[in-house]
Amino acid sequence: MNKTVYFALDYYDRQVIPFIMDKYNLTQMEAMRSFLLSKTHALMEDVENGLLNLPDYAVCDMWEVEQITGEPRKSVYIRGE
């Protein structure tokens, strides 16, 4: 596994965590824990998955889909529909 450079992940962290806080009324710590420990974030960490080209709203959608289905790959942005 090739790790994604930290500043790329930092960009997504700074975009997705406030989204989670606002939409789900979570504290910053709860939102951070939820995103940083998610399968979505693990996929983002592996550069070989090629997800760094996704816009931040697509990563938000992946996280939401993961919360509902347990699998971020079911997101429309990954399936390509």
N, C-alpha and C. Protein backbone atom coordinates (compact mmCIF):
# COMPACT_ATOMS: atom_id res chain seq x y z
N MET A 1 0.85 -1.18 0.00
CA MET A 1 0.00 0.00 0.00
C MET A 1 0.89 1.24 0.00
N ASN A 2 0.67 2.10 -0.95
CA ASN A 2 1.36 3.39 -1.00
C ASN A 2 0.47 4.43 -0.33
N LYS A 3 1.01 5.06 0.70
CA LYS A 3 0.23 6.05 1.45
C LYS A 3 0.12 7.36 0.68
N THR A 4 -1.05 7.95 0.75
CA THR A 4 -1.30 9.26 0.17
C THR A 4 -0.55 10.32 0.98
N VAL A 5 -0.04 11.32 0.30
CA VAL A 5 0.68 12.38 1.00
C VAL A 5 -0.27 13.06 2.00
N TYR A 6 0.29 13.44 3.13
CA TYR A 6 -0.51 13.94 4.24
C TYR A 6 -1.31 15.19 3.89
N PHE A 7 -0.75 16.07 3.04
CA PHE A 7 -1.48 17.32 2.77
C PHE A 7 -2.70 17.10 1.88
N ALA A 8 -2.71 16.04 1.10
CA ALA A 8 -3.90 15.72 0.32
C ALA A 8 -5.00 15.22 1.25
N LEU A 9 -4.66 14.35 2.18
CA LEU A 9 -5.65 13.88 3.15
C LEU A 9 -6.14 15.01 4.03
N ASP A 10 -5.23 15.90 4.39
CA ASP A 10 -5.59 17.05 5.23
C ASP A 10 -6.65 17.90 4.53
N TYR A 11 -6.52 18.08 3.22
CA TYR A 11 -7.52 18.85 2.47
C TYR A 11 -8.91 18.21 2.63
N TYR A 12 -8.99 16.90 2.41
CA TYR A 12 -10.28 16.23 2.52
C TYR A 12 -10.80 16.25 3.95
N ASP A 13 -9.90 16.07 4.93
CA ASP A 13 -10.32 16.12 6.32
C ASP A 13 -10.96 17.47 6.64
N ARG A 14 -10.36 18.53 6.15
CA ARG A 14 -10.87 19.89 6.43
C ARG A 14 -12.18 20.20 5.71
N GLN A 15 -12.49 19.45 4.67
CA GLN A 15 -13.74 19.65 3.95
C GLN A 15 -14.86 18.75 4.48
N VAL A 16 -14.53 17.51 4.75
CA VAL A 16 -15.55 16.52 5.11
C VAL A 16 -15.99 16.64 6.57
N ILE A 17 -15.07 16.87 7.47
CA ILE A 17 -15.41 16.92 8.90
C ILE A 17 -16.43 18.02 9.22
N PRO A 18 -16.27 19.25 8.71
CA PRO A 18 -17.32 20.26 8.96
C PRO A 18 -18.67 19.87 8.35
N PHE A 19 -18.64 19.21 7.20
CA PHE A 19 -19.89 18.73 6.59
C PHE A 19 -20.60 17.77 7.54
N ILE A 20 -19.86 16.82 8.10
CA ILE A 20 -20.44 15.85 9.04
C ILE A 20 -20.96 16.56 10.28
N MET A 21 -20.20 17.50 10.79
CA MET A 21 -20.63 18.25 11.97
C MET A 21 -21.94 18.98 11.72
N ASP A 22 -22.04 19.66 10.59
CA ASP A 22 -23.23 20.45 10.28
C ASP A 22 -24.45 19.58 9.99
N LYS A 23 -24.27 18.57 9.15
CA LYS A 23 -25.40 17.77 8.72
C LYS A 23 -25.93 16.85 9.82
N TYR A 24 -25.03 16.32 10.64
CA TYR A 24 -25.44 15.33 11.64
C TYR A 24 -25.38 15.85 13.07
N ASN A 25 -25.11 17.16 13.20
CA ASN A 25 -25.10 17.81 14.52
C ASN A 25 -24.19 17.09 15.51
N LEU A 26 -22.97 16.79 15.05
CA LEU A 26 -21.98 16.13 15.90
C LEU A 26 -20.94 17.15 16.35
N THR A 27 -20.29 16.85 17.46
CA THR A 27 -19.18 17.69 17.88
C THR A 27 -18.00 17.46 16.94
N GLN A 28 -17.03 18.33 17.01
CA GLN A 28 -15.87 18.18 16.15
C GLN A 28 -15.16 16.85 16.40
N MET A 29 -15.01 16.48 17.66
CA MET A 29 -14.33 15.23 17.99
C MET A 29 -15.10 14.01 17.48
N GLU A 30 -16.42 14.03 17.61
CA GLU A 30 -17.24 12.92 17.12
C GLU A 30 -17.15 12.80 15.60
N ALA A 31 -17.20 13.94 14.92
CA ALA A 31 -17.12 13.93 13.46
C ALA A 31 -15.74 13.47 13.00
N MET A 32 -14.70 13.95 13.67
CA MET A 32 -13.34 13.54 13.31
C MET A 32 -13.18 12.03 13.50
N ARG A 33 -13.62 11.54 14.62
CA ARG A 33 -13.50 10.11 14.90
C ARG A 33 -14.26 9.30 13.87
N SER A 34 -15.46 9.73 13.54
CA SER A 34 -16.28 9.01 12.59
C SER A 34 -15.63 8.96 11.21
N PHE A 35 -15.07 10.07 10.77
CA PHE A 35 -14.47 10.10 9.43
C PHE A 35 -13.09 9.44 9.41
N LEU A 36 -12.24 9.77 10.37
CA LEU A 36 -10.87 9.26 10.34
C LEU A 36 -10.79 7.75 10.55
N LEU A 37 -11.78 7.17 11.21
CA LEU A 37 -11.79 5.73 11.43
C LEU A 37 -12.66 4.98 10.43
N SER A 38 -13.14 5.67 9.41
CA SER A 38 -14.05 5.06 8.45
C SER A 38 -13.31 4.32 7.33
N LYS A 39 -14.04 3.44 6.67
CA LYS A 39 -13.50 2.75 5.49
C LYS A 39 -13.22 3.76 4.38
N THR A 40 -14.04 4.79 4.32
CA THR A 40 -13.85 5.83 3.32
C THR A 40 -12.47 6.46 3.46
N HIS A 41 -12.11 6.83 4.68
CA HIS A 41 -10.81 7.44 4.91
C HIS A 41 -9.69 6.45 4.61
N ALA A 42 -9.89 5.19 4.96
CA ALA A 42 -8.88 4.17 4.66
C ALA A 42 -8.67 4.04 3.15
N LEU A 43 -9.74 4.13 2.39
CA LEU A 43 -9.61 4.10 0.93
C LEU A 43 -8.85 5.32 0.42
N MET A 44 -9.11 6.46 1.04
CA MET A 44 -8.42 7.69 0.64
C MET A 44 -6.93 7.62 0.96
N GLU A 45 -6.58 6.92 2.02
CA GLU A 45 -5.18 6.82 2.45
C GLU A 45 -4.32 6.03 1.47
N ASP A 46 -4.93 5.12 0.72
CA ASP A 46 -4.18 4.29 -0.23
C ASP A 46 -4.19 4.94 -1.60
N VAL A 47 -3.06 5.46 -2.02
CA VAL A 47 -2.95 6.19 -3.28
C VAL A 47 -3.29 5.30 -4.48
N GLU A 48 -3.12 4.01 -4.35
CA GLU A 48 -3.39 3.09 -5.45
C GLU A 48 -4.87 3.01 -5.81
N ASN A 49 -5.75 3.45 -4.92
CA ASN A 49 -7.18 3.46 -5.21
C ASN A 49 -7.55 4.57 -6.19
N GLY A 50 -6.70 5.56 -6.35
CA GLY A 50 -6.94 6.64 -7.31
C GLY A 50 -8.09 7.55 -6.95
N LEU A 51 -8.35 7.74 -5.67
CA LEU A 51 -9.49 8.55 -5.26
C LEU A 51 -9.16 10.02 -5.03
N LEU A 52 -7.92 10.40 -5.22
CA LEU A 52 -7.55 11.79 -4.96
C LEU A 52 -8.08 12.75 -6.03
N ASN A 53 -8.63 12.23 -7.09
CA ASN A 53 -9.22 13.07 -8.12
C ASN A 53 -10.68 13.40 -7.84
N LEU A 54 -11.24 12.78 -6.80
CA LEU A 54 -12.64 13.02 -6.47
C LEU A 54 -12.82 14.38 -5.81
N PRO A 55 -13.92 15.06 -6.12
CA PRO A 55 -14.22 16.31 -5.39
C PRO A 55 -14.64 15.98 -3.96
N ASP A 56 -14.56 16.97 -3.11
CA ASP A 56 -14.86 16.75 -1.69
C ASP A 56 -16.30 16.29 -1.46
N TYR A 57 -17.25 16.75 -2.27
CA TYR A 57 -18.63 16.32 -2.08
C TYR A 57 -18.80 14.84 -2.40
N ALA A 58 -17.96 14.29 -3.27
CA ALA A 58 -18.01 12.86 -3.57
C ALA A 58 -17.52 12.05 -2.37
N VAL A 59 -16.49 12.55 -1.70
CA VAL A 59 -15.99 11.88 -0.51
C VAL A 59 -17.03 11.94 0.60
N CYS A 60 -17.73 13.06 0.72
CA CYS A 60 -18.82 13.17 1.69
C CYS A 60 -19.90 12.13 1.39
N ASP A 61 -20.22 11.97 0.11
CA ASP A 61 -21.23 10.99 -0.28
C ASP A 61 -20.75 9.57 0.04
N MET A 62 -19.49 9.30 -0.22
CA MET A 62 -18.95 7.97 0.10
C MET A 62 -19.08 7.68 1.60
N TRP A 63 -18.76 8.67 2.42
CA TRP A 63 -18.86 8.49 3.87
C TRP A 63 -20.32 8.23 4.26
N GLU A 64 -21.25 9.00 3.71
CA GLU A 64 -22.67 8.82 4.03
C GLU A 64 -23.16 7.44 3.60
N VAL A 65 -22.78 7.02 2.42
CA VAL A 65 -23.17 5.69 1.94
C VAL A 65 -22.61 4.62 2.85
N GLU A 66 -21.39 4.81 3.29
CA GLU A 66 -20.79 3.86 4.22
C GLU A 66 -21.58 3.78 5.52
N GLN A 67 -22.06 4.91 6.03
CA GLN A 67 -22.83 4.92 7.26
C GLN A 67 -24.15 4.17 7.10
N ILE A 68 -24.71 4.22 5.89
CA ILE A 68 -26.00 3.57 5.63
C ILE A 68 -25.83 2.09 5.30
N THR A 69 -24.88 1.79 4.42
CA THR A 69 -24.75 0.42 3.90
C THR A 69 -23.57 -0.35 4.47
N GLY A 70 -22.61 0.38 5.05
CA GLY A 70 -21.41 -0.27 5.55
C GLY A 70 -20.31 -0.39 4.51
N GLU A 71 -20.57 0.09 3.29
CA GLU A 71 -19.59 -0.04 2.22
C GLU A 71 -19.53 1.24 1.38
N PRO A 72 -18.43 2.00 1.47
CA PRO A 72 -18.34 3.26 0.71
C PRO A 72 -18.29 3.05 -0.80
N ARG A 73 -17.91 1.87 -1.24
CA ARG A 73 -17.81 1.61 -2.69
C ARG A 73 -19.19 1.56 -3.37
N LYS A 74 -20.26 1.58 -2.59
CA LYS A 74 -21.60 1.61 -3.16
C LYS A 74 -22.03 3.03 -3.54
N SER A 75 -21.18 4.00 -3.28
CA SER A 75 -21.47 5.39 -3.66
C SER A 75 -21.58 5.51 -5.17
N VAL A 76 -22.47 6.35 -5.61
CA VAL A 76 -22.66 6.57 -7.04
C VAL A 76 -21.37 7.09 -7.70
N TYR A 77 -20.54 7.76 -6.93
CA TYR A 77 -19.30 8.30 -7.47
C TYR A 77 -18.26 7.22 -7.74
N ILE A 78 -18.37 6.11 -7.04
CA ILE A 78 -17.47 4.99 -7.26
C ILE A 78 -18.05 4.06 -8.32
N ARG A 79 -19.35 3.82 -8.24
CA ARG A 79 -20.00 2.93 -9.21
C ARG A 79 -20.00 3.53 -10.60
N GLY A 80 -20.03 4.87 -10.68
CA GLY A 80 -19.98 5.55 -11.97
C GLY A 80 -21.30 5.59 -12.72
N GLU A 81 -22.39 5.54 -12.00
CA GLU A 81 -23.71 5.57 -12.67
C GLU A 81 -24.15 6.99 -12.93
